[in-house]
Amino acid sequence: MAQEQSATTATTAKFCSCSCNKFNYINLIAYLINVFVTFAIGQFGLGGRPTNGELSDKYQTIVTPIGLMFSIWGPIFIFQALWALWQFLVPSQRNSEGVLKTGWWYAIAVVFQCGWTFAFSWEVMWASLVCMYGICISLVTATLRLQTYEKTWKGYLLWQFPISLHCGWIIAASAVNTNVLPVFYEADSTVQIAVAGASLGVLVLVAFAWLKAYPVDLAPPCVLVWALTGVYLALEDPADMIVATFSERQITATQYSVLGGLSLIALGVVLKGLYVLCVQRRSKAKPRGTAPSSSTEAKKGGDSTSDEESPKVVTGLEDEVSA
């Protein structure tokens, strides 16, 4: 009788683990809504509204990247499509740790994203900035939550990278949108330069805070390097609006400040990447039979000392491979 009950319990648990949960549905629906709103209104100007590109030209800032850099939305949408479909269609992945850690935060980010698209399209710039900060906070929260559990690089690519890539671009976009506000209210060049300088400083600080964090996630700092490279290239041949607003000295100073910022972040990414590789090689070089010291065990909070005894963390691909 006890064996039958345990077998029934195991079958029920297996069924529950393979059934879609609310986050699988919510994430897929949120993704589809985001794609529709972004392209229908933002890119094609549904209802006769100006597109995002037209409005970006209208409210050109001294830290607006060249148009090529906005192509990063392609990889963002592709990776998030895989992310949403994988957790929905693959039974063994529906209740993975990556889904549960993301929780409601992706859907919340999409709500703010839709709000930003409408506000920006209707040129309510203060509301669009509030929504942009809402997107940023939501994605940063989701990314930090995803960093709190152990995963393989495959699990990282599947569960965290789609969110981290989006997060990095939105951090950069938040800086640009902050600079749109003084342009919209026709502030003088001194105010715009001050806001641009503060925005650049914040981006550098955020990048190094991210590089210092553990576990390592290099995607957001790399995206910031991408965005700042676009700003530098835009100032190589500044738009007529920028030339009319700022002096040549201001443009040159801003351009070299951007170059300095992106160089610092890029150097930090390279050094952090090399450090991680060295640590990984050193850990692989240790003999497997060596038992860790008691102090090491205490630091790990009683974690098991062998790979076979350590609890398996759901990373996203291991279960699918073994299924």
Protein backbone atom coordinates (compact mmCIF):
# COMPACT_ATOMS: atom_id res chain seq x y z
CA MET A 1 0.00 0.00 0.00
CA ALA A 2 2.81 2.37 0.94
CA GLN A 3 4.62 1.53 -2.28
CA GLU A 4 1.49 2.31 -4.32
CA GLN A 5 1.08 5.66 -2.55
CA SER A 6 4.73 6.58 -3.13
CA ALA A 7 4.44 5.58 -6.80
CA THR A 8 1.29 7.70 -7.16
CA THR A 9 3.01 10.64 -5.48
CA ALA A 10 6.03 10.33 -7.77
CA THR A 11 3.80 10.16 -10.85
CA THR A 12 1.84 13.22 -9.69
CA ALA A 13 5.05 15.16 -9.00
CA LYS A 14 6.41 14.26 -12.43
CA PHE A 15 3.15 15.33 -14.08
CA CYS A 16 3.13 18.62 -12.18
CA SER A 17 6.74 19.34 -13.10
CA CYS A 18 5.89 18.86 -16.78
CA SER A 19 2.68 20.91 -16.78
CA CYS A 20 2.75 24.53 -17.89
CA ASN A 21 2.69 26.98 -15.03
CA LYS A 22 1.37 30.53 -15.07
CA PHE A 23 4.77 32.02 -15.88
CA ASN A 24 5.09 29.94 -19.06
CA TYR A 25 1.83 31.40 -20.38
CA ILE A 26 2.52 34.91 -19.10
CA ASN A 27 6.03 35.08 -20.59
CA LEU A 28 4.90 33.87 -24.00
CA ILE A 29 1.91 36.24 -24.12
CA ALA A 30 4.05 39.14 -22.88
CA TYR A 31 6.64 38.45 -25.56
CA LEU A 32 4.04 38.42 -28.35
CA ILE A 33 2.48 41.65 -27.08
CA ASN A 34 5.90 43.29 -26.90
CA VAL A 35 6.73 42.32 -30.48
CA PHE A 36 3.38 43.58 -31.79
CA VAL A 37 3.44 46.93 -29.97
CA THR A 38 7.12 47.57 -30.70
CA PHE A 39 6.85 46.92 -34.43
CA ALA A 40 3.29 48.08 -35.13
CA ILE A 41 3.60 51.43 -33.35
CA GLY A 42 7.31 51.98 -32.76
CA GLN A 43 8.65 50.87 -36.15
CA PHE A 44 5.72 51.25 -38.56
CA GLY A 45 3.83 54.14 -36.95
CA LEU A 46 0.42 52.47 -36.74
CA GLY A 47 -2.38 55.02 -36.78
CA GLY A 48 -0.31 57.67 -38.49
CA ARG A 49 1.98 58.21 -35.52
CA PRO A 50 5.67 59.02 -36.11
CA THR A 51 8.06 56.09 -35.80
CA ASN A 52 10.72 55.78 -33.11
CA GLY A 53 13.39 56.58 -35.70
CA GLU A 54 11.65 59.78 -36.77
CA LEU A 55 11.24 60.90 -33.16
CA SER A 56 14.87 60.07 -32.38
CA ASP A 57 15.92 62.35 -35.23
CA LYS A 58 13.52 65.04 -34.03
CA TYR A 59 14.87 64.93 -30.47
CA GLN A 60 18.50 64.16 -31.28
CA THR A 61 20.75 64.23 -28.22
CA ILE A 62 24.50 64.48 -28.04
CA VAL A 63 24.59 60.89 -26.71
CA THR A 64 22.25 59.28 -29.25
CA PRO A 65 24.01 56.30 -30.93
CA ILE A 66 24.06 55.87 -34.70
CA GLY A 67 21.13 53.96 -36.16
CA LEU A 68 23.16 50.79 -36.77
CA MET A 69 23.43 50.18 -33.03
CA PHE A 70 19.67 49.82 -32.70
CA SER A 71 19.96 46.60 -34.71
CA ILE A 72 20.66 44.93 -31.37
CA TRP A 73 16.88 44.60 -31.06
CA GLY A 74 17.13 41.76 -33.60
CA PRO A 75 19.21 39.49 -31.31
CA ILE A 76 17.15 40.57 -28.30
CA PHE A 77 13.88 39.47 -29.89
CA ILE A 78 15.39 36.28 -31.34
CA PHE A 79 16.88 35.12 -28.04
CA GLN A 80 13.72 36.03 -26.14
CA ALA A 81 11.62 34.10 -28.67
CA LEU A 82 13.74 31.01 -27.98
CA TRP A 83 13.49 31.71 -24.26
CA ALA A 84 9.69 32.00 -24.31
CA LEU A 85 9.10 29.03 -26.63
CA TRP A 86 11.57 26.72 -24.90
CA GLN A 87 9.91 27.00 -21.51
CA PHE A 88 6.45 26.65 -23.08
CA LEU A 89 7.04 23.74 -25.47
CA VAL A 90 9.63 21.59 -23.65
CA PRO A 91 7.91 19.82 -20.72
CA SER A 92 11.08 19.30 -18.68
CA GLN A 93 11.87 23.04 -18.75
CA ARG A 94 8.52 24.48 -17.69
CA ASN A 95 9.33 24.64 -13.99
CA SER A 96 13.05 25.23 -14.31
CA GLU A 97 14.87 27.52 -11.93
CA GLY A 98 15.36 30.06 -14.72
CA VAL A 99 11.60 30.46 -15.18
CA LEU A 100 10.89 30.73 -11.47
CA LYS A 101 13.67 33.24 -10.83
CA THR A 102 12.44 35.50 -13.64
CA GLY A 103 8.96 35.36 -12.14
CA TRP A 104 6.75 38.33 -12.97
CA TRP A 105 9.59 40.70 -13.82
CA TYR A 106 9.71 40.10 -17.56
CA ALA A 107 5.96 40.69 -17.85
CA ILE A 108 6.27 43.86 -15.75
CA ALA A 109 9.04 45.07 -18.05
CA VAL A 110 6.79 44.48 -21.08
CA VAL A 111 3.99 46.51 -19.48
CA PHE A 112 6.39 49.42 -19.04
CA GLN A 113 7.76 48.84 -22.56
CA CYS A 114 4.27 49.21 -24.03
CA GLY A 115 3.71 52.30 -21.89
CA TRP A 116 6.97 53.78 -23.15
CA THR A 117 6.07 53.07 -26.79
CA PHE A 118 2.71 54.85 -26.48
CA ALA A 119 4.10 57.77 -24.45
CA PHE A 120 7.06 58.29 -26.79
CA SER A 121 4.89 57.97 -29.88
CA TRP A 122 2.50 60.62 -28.53
CA GLU A 123 5.51 62.72 -27.42
CA VAL A 124 4.68 62.73 -23.72
CA MET A 125 8.35 62.69 -22.84
CA TRP A 126 8.16 62.83 -19.05
CA ALA A 127 5.86 59.78 -19.08
CA SER A 128 8.12 57.94 -21.52
CA LEU A 129 11.08 58.53 -19.19
CA VAL A 130 9.15 57.18 -16.20
CA CYS A 131 8.25 54.08 -18.21
CA MET A 132 11.86 53.67 -19.35
CA TYR A 133 13.05 53.70 -15.76
CA GLY A 134 10.33 51.13 -15.00
CA ILE A 135 11.64 48.83 -17.76
CA CYS A 136 15.18 49.27 -16.46
CA ILE A 137 14.32 48.46 -12.84
CA SER A 138 12.29 45.41 -13.88
CA LEU A 139 15.01 43.94 -16.09
CA VAL A 140 17.81 44.68 -13.62
CA THR A 141 15.79 42.91 -10.92
CA ALA A 142 15.15 39.90 -13.16
CA THR A 143 18.82 39.70 -14.15
CA LEU A 144 20.07 39.91 -10.56
CA ARG A 145 17.59 37.22 -9.50
CA LEU A 146 18.83 34.97 -12.32
CA GLN A 147 22.39 35.40 -11.04
CA THR A 148 21.52 33.84 -7.67
CA TYR A 149 21.59 30.20 -8.75
CA GLU A 150 24.28 28.03 -10.26
CA LYS A 151 24.06 27.20 -13.95
CA THR A 152 26.19 25.92 -16.81
CA TRP A 153 27.10 28.17 -19.72
CA LYS A 154 24.33 26.49 -21.73
CA GLY A 155 21.85 27.27 -18.99
CA TYR A 156 23.14 30.85 -18.96
CA LEU A 157 22.59 31.23 -22.71
CA LEU A 158 19.08 29.86 -22.47
CA TRP A 159 17.73 31.49 -19.32
CA GLN A 160 19.83 34.53 -18.45
CA PHE A 161 21.43 35.85 -21.64
CA PRO A 162 18.11 36.89 -23.31
CA ILE A 163 17.23 38.98 -20.25
CA SER A 164 20.77 40.29 -19.67
CA LEU A 165 21.11 41.41 -23.29
CA HIS A 166 17.83 43.31 -23.06
CA CYS A 167 18.82 44.72 -19.67
CA GLY A 168 22.12 46.11 -20.94
CA TRP A 169 20.47 47.89 -23.86
CA ILE A 170 17.74 49.36 -21.66
CA ILE A 171 20.34 50.71 -19.24
CA ALA A 172 21.92 52.55 -22.18
CA ALA A 173 18.50 53.60 -23.50
CA SER A 174 17.62 55.03 -20.08
CA ALA A 175 20.64 57.32 -20.33
CA VAL A 176 19.63 58.46 -23.82
CA ASN A 177 16.00 59.04 -22.78
CA THR A 178 17.18 61.09 -19.81
CA ASN A 179 18.94 63.36 -22.31
CA VAL A 180 15.85 63.58 -24.52
CA LEU A 181 13.97 65.44 -21.79
CA PRO A 182 16.12 68.63 -21.81
CA VAL A 183 16.09 68.55 -25.62
CA PHE A 184 12.29 68.33 -25.59
CA TYR A 185 12.05 71.32 -23.22
CA GLU A 186 14.62 73.24 -25.31
CA ALA A 187 17.23 73.57 -22.58
CA ASP A 188 20.44 75.34 -23.53
CA SER A 189 23.62 73.51 -24.48
CA THR A 190 25.18 73.89 -21.02
CA VAL A 191 22.34 71.99 -19.39
CA GLN A 192 22.38 69.31 -22.09
CA ILE A 193 26.15 68.84 -21.73
CA ALA A 194 25.80 68.53 -17.95
CA VAL A 195 23.09 65.89 -18.29
CA ALA A 196 25.14 64.03 -20.91
CA GLY A 197 28.23 64.02 -18.67
CA ALA A 198 26.25 62.77 -15.68
CA SER A 199 24.65 60.05 -17.81
CA LEU A 200 28.05 58.87 -19.05
CA GLY A 201 29.40 58.76 -15.51
CA VAL A 202 26.43 56.69 -14.35
CA LEU A 203 26.89 54.21 -17.21
CA VAL A 204 30.55 53.68 -16.32
CA LEU A 205 29.71 53.19 -12.63
CA VAL A 206 26.92 50.74 -13.46
CA ALA A 207 29.22 48.77 -15.76
CA PHE A 208 31.92 48.40 -13.10
CA ALA A 209 29.36 47.54 -10.42
CA TRP A 210 28.18 44.78 -12.75
CA LEU A 211 31.72 43.59 -13.39
CA LYS A 212 32.36 43.43 -9.65
CA ALA A 213 29.24 41.37 -9.01
CA TYR A 214 29.36 37.60 -8.63
CA PRO A 215 28.38 35.32 -10.35
CA VAL A 216 29.82 36.93 -13.45
CA ASP A 217 27.53 38.32 -16.17
CA LEU A 218 29.44 40.14 -18.88
CA ALA A 219 26.49 40.73 -21.23
CA PRO A 220 25.27 44.10 -19.84
CA PRO A 221 28.75 45.72 -19.78
CA CYS A 222 29.41 44.45 -23.32
CA VAL A 223 26.14 45.99 -24.49
CA LEU A 224 27.14 49.30 -22.88
CA VAL A 225 30.40 49.18 -24.87
CA TRP A 226 28.29 48.60 -28.00
CA ALA A 227 26.02 51.55 -27.22
CA LEU A 228 28.86 53.95 -26.36
CA THR A 229 30.70 52.95 -29.53
CA GLY A 230 27.57 54.05 -31.39
CA VAL A 231 27.62 57.40 -29.58
CA TYR A 232 31.28 57.92 -30.46
CA LEU A 233 30.65 57.13 -34.13
CA ALA A 234 27.64 59.46 -34.20
CA LEU A 235 29.84 62.32 -33.00
CA GLU A 236 32.37 61.60 -35.77
CA ASP A 237 29.83 63.10 -38.17
CA PRO A 238 27.31 64.90 -35.93
CA ALA A 239 23.80 65.61 -37.12
CA ASP A 240 22.86 69.14 -38.17
CA MET A 241 20.82 69.58 -34.98
CA ILE A 242 23.87 68.76 -32.84
CA VAL A 243 26.12 71.12 -34.82
CA ALA A 244 23.54 73.90 -34.44
CA THR A 245 23.16 73.37 -30.68
CA PHE A 246 26.70 72.71 -29.47
CA SER A 247 30.08 74.26 -30.14
CA GLU A 248 32.81 72.25 -31.81
CA ARG A 249 34.70 72.19 -28.52
CA GLN A 250 31.70 70.74 -26.67
CA ILE A 251 31.19 68.06 -29.30
CA THR A 252 34.87 67.07 -29.29
CA ALA A 253 35.03 66.98 -25.49
CA THR A 254 31.93 64.80 -25.33
CA GLN A 255 33.26 62.47 -28.00
CA TYR A 256 36.55 61.89 -26.17
CA SER A 257 34.72 61.47 -22.87
CA VAL A 258 32.60 58.76 -24.47
CA LEU A 259 35.74 57.14 -25.90
CA GLY A 260 37.34 57.16 -22.46
CA GLY A 261 34.24 55.64 -20.86
CA LEU A 262 33.83 52.85 -23.38
CA SER A 263 37.58 52.09 -23.21
CA LEU A 264 37.42 51.72 -19.43
CA ILE A 265 34.41 49.42 -19.63
CA ALA A 266 35.96 47.36 -22.43
CA LEU A 267 39.19 46.99 -20.43
CA GLY A 268 37.17 45.93 -17.40
CA VAL A 269 35.33 43.30 -19.46
CA VAL A 270 38.59 41.88 -20.83
CA LEU A 271 40.27 41.75 -17.41
CA LYS A 272 37.23 40.19 -15.77
CA GLY A 273 36.96 37.62 -18.54
CA LEU A 274 40.64 36.69 -18.18
CA TYR A 275 40.26 36.45 -14.41
CA VAL A 276 37.29 34.09 -14.75
CA LEU A 277 39.17 31.91 -17.23
CA CYS A 278 42.18 31.70 -14.90
CA VAL A 279 39.98 30.74 -11.95
CA GLN A 280 38.21 28.07 -13.98
CA ARG A 281 41.48 26.58 -15.24
CA ARG A 282 42.90 26.58 -11.72
CA SER A 283 39.83 24.81 -10.35
CA LYS A 284 39.99 22.18 -13.11
CA ALA A 285 43.67 21.59 -12.36
CA LYS A 286 42.96 20.60 -8.74
CA PRO A 287 43.05 16.81 -8.10
CA ARG A 288 39.54 15.46 -7.76
CA GLY A 289 40.39 13.16 -4.89
CA THR A 290 41.55 15.98 -2.61
CA ALA A 291 39.09 16.67 0.16
CA PRO A 292 38.50 20.33 0.99
CA SER A 293 39.49 21.72 4.35
CA SER A 294 36.97 22.20 7.12
CA SER A 295 37.17 25.98 6.68
CA THR A 296 36.22 25.58 3.03
CA GLU A 297 33.29 23.41 3.99
CA ALA A 298 32.18 26.01 6.49
CA LYS A 299 32.31 28.72 3.84
CA LYS A 300 30.21 26.61 1.52
CA GLY A 301 27.62 26.11 4.21
CA GLY A 302 27.96 22.34 4.24
CA ASP A 303 27.96 21.78 0.48
CA SER A 304 29.00 18.27 -0.57
CA THR A 305 32.60 17.79 -1.63
CA SER A 306 32.14 15.68 -4.74
CA ASP A 307 30.37 16.29 -8.01
CA GLU A 308 28.30 13.15 -7.54
CA GLU A 309 27.03 14.24 -4.12
CA SER A 310 26.33 17.86 -4.95
CA PRO A 311 22.68 18.73 -5.59
CA LYS A 312 21.87 19.21 -9.24
CA VAL A 313 20.67 22.68 -10.11
CA VAL A 314 18.21 22.99 -12.98
CA THR A 315 20.06 25.01 -15.59
CA GLY A 316 17.82 24.53 -18.57
CA LEU A 317 19.54 22.16 -20.96
CA GLU A 318 20.78 19.26 -18.87
CA ASP A 319 17.30 17.85 -18.24
CA GLU A 320 16.36 18.15 -21.90
CA VAL A 321 19.48 16.31 -22.97
CA SER A 322 18.89 13.47 -20.53
CA ALA A 323 15.18 13.24 -21.35
